[in-house]
Amino acid sequence: MKGLRLFSVALIAWCSLGATSGLAYASADNGTEDVAKMQYETGMRLARDKEDAQAREWFARSAAGGYPPAYYALGYLYFDGRGVPRDDRKAVELFRKAADRGVADAQYMMGVMYAVGRGVEKDSRRSIQWMRKAAGHGHPGARKTLQGLFGPTAVK
């Protein structure tokens, strides 16, 4: 794992150098998103290895680079209290950023948060709206939830 961390740090430093020196491989047009995706993937590896505090740092870097799934991953750490103190309001803020950018898992979690009133005031109408958005993006949990509430024809 230590070798992976060193490689990831070296790779990000190399890409960041390109971004500041104007080299094509890290330009705003084609590289910034790639760097943010690599940062996210590094965070995911660290999270799988239960290195949550380090995962949080990589997810935060990726989110700062505008990579939508990173907002969701960072929000989930706050939701679950992994590597950070549990903070439902912060989780909702981050889920919302990801959900607004089309991340189905985040849309589903917004539905959950409104359904149970974690980090937001309980609101069934908003919960269903978010569940429908997630189901529209193919989220299986949202589809199952809506079908359980409204029957098998609730989601097409």
Protein backbone atom coordinates (compact mmCIF):
# COMPACT_ATOMS: atom_id res chain seq x y z
CA MET A 1 0.00 0.00 0.00
CA LYS A 2 2.88 2.34 0.78
CA GLY A 3 4.20 2.00 -2.77
CA LEU A 4 0.77 2.84 -4.18
CA ARG A 5 0.57 5.97 -2.02
CA LEU A 6 4.02 7.10 -3.13
CA PHE A 7 3.14 6.44 -6.77
CA SER A 8 -0.16 8.33 -6.41
CA VAL A 9 1.55 11.32 -4.80
CA ALA A 10 4.23 11.37 -7.51
CA LEU A 11 1.61 11.08 -10.27
CA ILE A 12 -0.51 13.90 -8.88
CA ALA A 13 2.56 16.11 -8.43
CA TRP A 14 3.61 15.42 -12.01
CA CYS A 15 0.13 16.22 -13.35
CA SER A 16 -0.09 19.34 -11.19
CA LEU A 17 3.24 20.55 -12.55
CA GLY A 18 1.83 20.21 -16.05
CA ALA A 19 -1.28 22.17 -15.08
CA THR A 20 0.77 25.08 -13.77
CA SER A 21 3.26 25.12 -16.63
CA GLY A 22 0.64 24.96 -19.38
CA LEU A 23 1.67 21.60 -20.85
CA ALA A 24 -1.01 19.97 -22.99
CA TYR A 25 -1.41 16.79 -20.93
CA ALA A 26 -2.74 18.76 -17.95
CA SER A 27 -4.52 21.58 -19.67
CA ALA A 28 -7.96 22.74 -18.59
CA ASP A 29 -9.37 21.20 -21.77
CA ASN A 30 -8.18 17.64 -21.33
CA GLY A 31 -6.26 17.01 -18.16
CA THR A 32 -7.84 18.67 -15.15
CA GLU A 33 -10.74 16.21 -15.16
CA ASP A 34 -8.30 13.32 -15.58
CA VAL A 35 -6.29 14.49 -12.57
CA ALA A 36 -9.47 14.83 -10.48
CA LYS A 37 -10.55 11.34 -11.55
CA MET A 38 -7.15 9.91 -10.56
CA GLN A 39 -7.42 11.66 -7.20
CA TYR A 40 -10.89 10.15 -6.73
CA GLU A 41 -9.64 6.67 -7.63
CA THR A 42 -6.78 7.04 -5.15
CA GLY A 43 -9.34 8.00 -2.49
CA MET A 44 -11.44 4.95 -3.35
CA ARG A 45 -8.45 2.62 -2.94
CA LEU A 46 -7.65 4.20 0.41
CA ALA A 47 -11.29 3.98 1.54
CA ARG A 48 -11.40 0.27 0.63
CA ASP A 49 -8.29 -0.19 2.77
CA LYS A 50 -10.03 1.63 5.67
CA GLU A 51 -7.59 4.56 5.45
CA ASP A 52 -10.49 6.98 5.72
CA ALA A 53 -8.64 10.12 6.82
CA GLN A 54 -6.32 9.88 3.81
CA ALA A 55 -9.24 8.99 1.54
CA ARG A 56 -10.98 12.16 2.69
CA GLU A 57 -7.97 14.24 1.62
CA TRP A 58 -7.95 12.71 -1.87
CA PHE A 59 -11.73 13.02 -2.28
CA ALA A 60 -11.50 16.68 -1.22
CA ARG A 61 -8.79 17.33 -3.83
CA SER A 62 -10.86 15.61 -6.48
CA ALA A 63 -14.00 17.55 -5.52
CA ALA A 64 -12.00 20.79 -5.67
CA GLY A 65 -11.14 19.75 -9.24
CA GLY A 66 -14.87 19.44 -9.97
CA TYR A 67 -15.18 15.64 -10.24
CA PRO A 68 -18.84 14.94 -9.28
CA PRO A 69 -18.44 11.42 -7.80
CA ALA A 70 -15.89 12.85 -5.35
CA TYR A 71 -18.56 15.04 -3.77
CA TYR A 72 -20.64 11.93 -3.18
CA ALA A 73 -17.72 9.92 -1.74
CA LEU A 74 -16.74 12.78 0.55
CA GLY A 75 -20.37 13.19 1.63
CA TYR A 76 -20.58 9.51 2.46
CA LEU A 77 -17.59 9.80 4.79
CA TYR A 78 -19.42 12.56 6.67
CA PHE A 79 -22.69 10.57 6.59
CA ASP A 80 -21.01 7.52 8.09
CA GLY A 81 -18.44 9.30 10.31
CA ARG A 82 -15.50 7.60 8.60
CA GLY A 83 -12.26 9.54 9.00
CA VAL A 84 -14.25 12.62 10.05
CA PRO A 85 -16.82 13.34 12.73
CA ARG A 86 -20.30 12.38 11.56
CA ASP A 87 -21.98 15.51 10.18
CA ASP A 88 -25.33 15.03 8.47
CA ARG A 89 -25.60 18.64 7.30
CA LYS A 90 -22.18 18.48 5.65
CA ALA A 91 -23.12 15.13 4.10
CA VAL A 92 -26.29 16.65 2.63
CA GLU A 93 -24.34 19.64 1.28
CA LEU A 94 -21.90 17.32 -0.50
CA PHE A 95 -24.57 14.86 -1.67
CA ARG A 96 -26.47 17.80 -3.13
CA LYS A 97 -23.44 18.99 -5.11
CA ALA A 98 -23.02 15.51 -6.58
CA ALA A 99 -26.76 15.02 -7.11
CA ASP A 100 -27.07 18.30 -8.99
CA ARG A 101 -24.30 17.05 -11.28
CA GLY A 102 -26.18 13.82 -12.09
CA VAL A 103 -24.60 11.31 -9.69
CA ALA A 104 -27.38 8.73 -9.17
CA ASP A 105 -26.00 7.46 -5.83
CA ALA A 106 -26.07 11.01 -4.48
CA GLN A 107 -29.61 11.54 -5.76
CA TYR A 108 -30.65 8.37 -3.96
CA MET A 109 -28.96 9.50 -0.75
CA MET A 110 -30.73 12.87 -0.98
CA GLY A 111 -33.97 10.88 -1.13
CA VAL A 112 -32.93 8.89 1.92
CA MET A 113 -31.90 12.00 3.86
CA TYR A 114 -35.26 13.69 3.19
CA ALA A 115 -37.15 10.47 3.98
CA VAL A 116 -35.62 10.10 7.43
CA GLY A 117 -34.82 13.73 8.21
CA ARG A 118 -31.05 13.42 8.55
CA GLY A 119 -29.32 16.74 7.94
CA VAL A 120 -32.53 18.20 6.51
CA GLU A 121 -36.10 18.55 7.66
CA LYS A 122 -38.07 15.40 6.90
CA ASP A 123 -39.96 15.94 3.63
CA SER A 124 -41.67 13.04 1.81
CA ARG A 125 -42.33 15.07 -1.32
CA ARG A 126 -38.66 15.99 -1.77
CA SER A 127 -37.62 12.45 -0.90
CA ILE A 128 -39.77 11.08 -3.73
CA GLN A 129 -38.47 13.74 -6.15
CA TRP A 130 -34.88 12.72 -5.47
CA MET A 131 -35.73 9.01 -5.64
CA ARG A 132 -37.35 9.56 -9.05
CA LYS A 133 -34.26 11.37 -10.33
CA ALA A 134 -32.04 8.52 -9.12
CA ALA A 135 -34.38 5.91 -10.60
CA GLY A 136 -34.33 7.82 -13.89
CA HIS A 137 -30.56 7.33 -13.90
CA GLY A 138 -31.03 3.60 -13.28
CA HIS A 139 -30.30 3.48 -9.55
CA PRO A 140 -31.56 0.05 -8.39
CA GLY A 141 -32.20 1.11 -4.78
CA ALA A 142 -34.30 4.06 -5.87
CA ARG A 143 -36.26 1.91 -8.32
CA LYS A 144 -36.95 -0.67 -5.61
CA THR A 145 -37.97 2.02 -3.10
CA LEU A 146 -40.40 3.64 -5.53
CA GLN A 147 -41.86 0.29 -6.55
CA GLY A 148 -42.30 -0.59 -2.88
CA LEU A 149 -44.15 2.67 -2.28
CA PHE A 150 -46.23 2.89 -5.44
CA GLY A 151 -46.29 -0.59 -6.96
CA PRO A 152 -44.42 -2.31 -9.78
CA THR A 153 -45.48 0.22 -12.44
CA ALA A 154 -44.07 3.20 -10.50
CA VAL A 155 -40.80 3.08 -12.46
CA LYS A 156 -40.65 2.35 -16.17
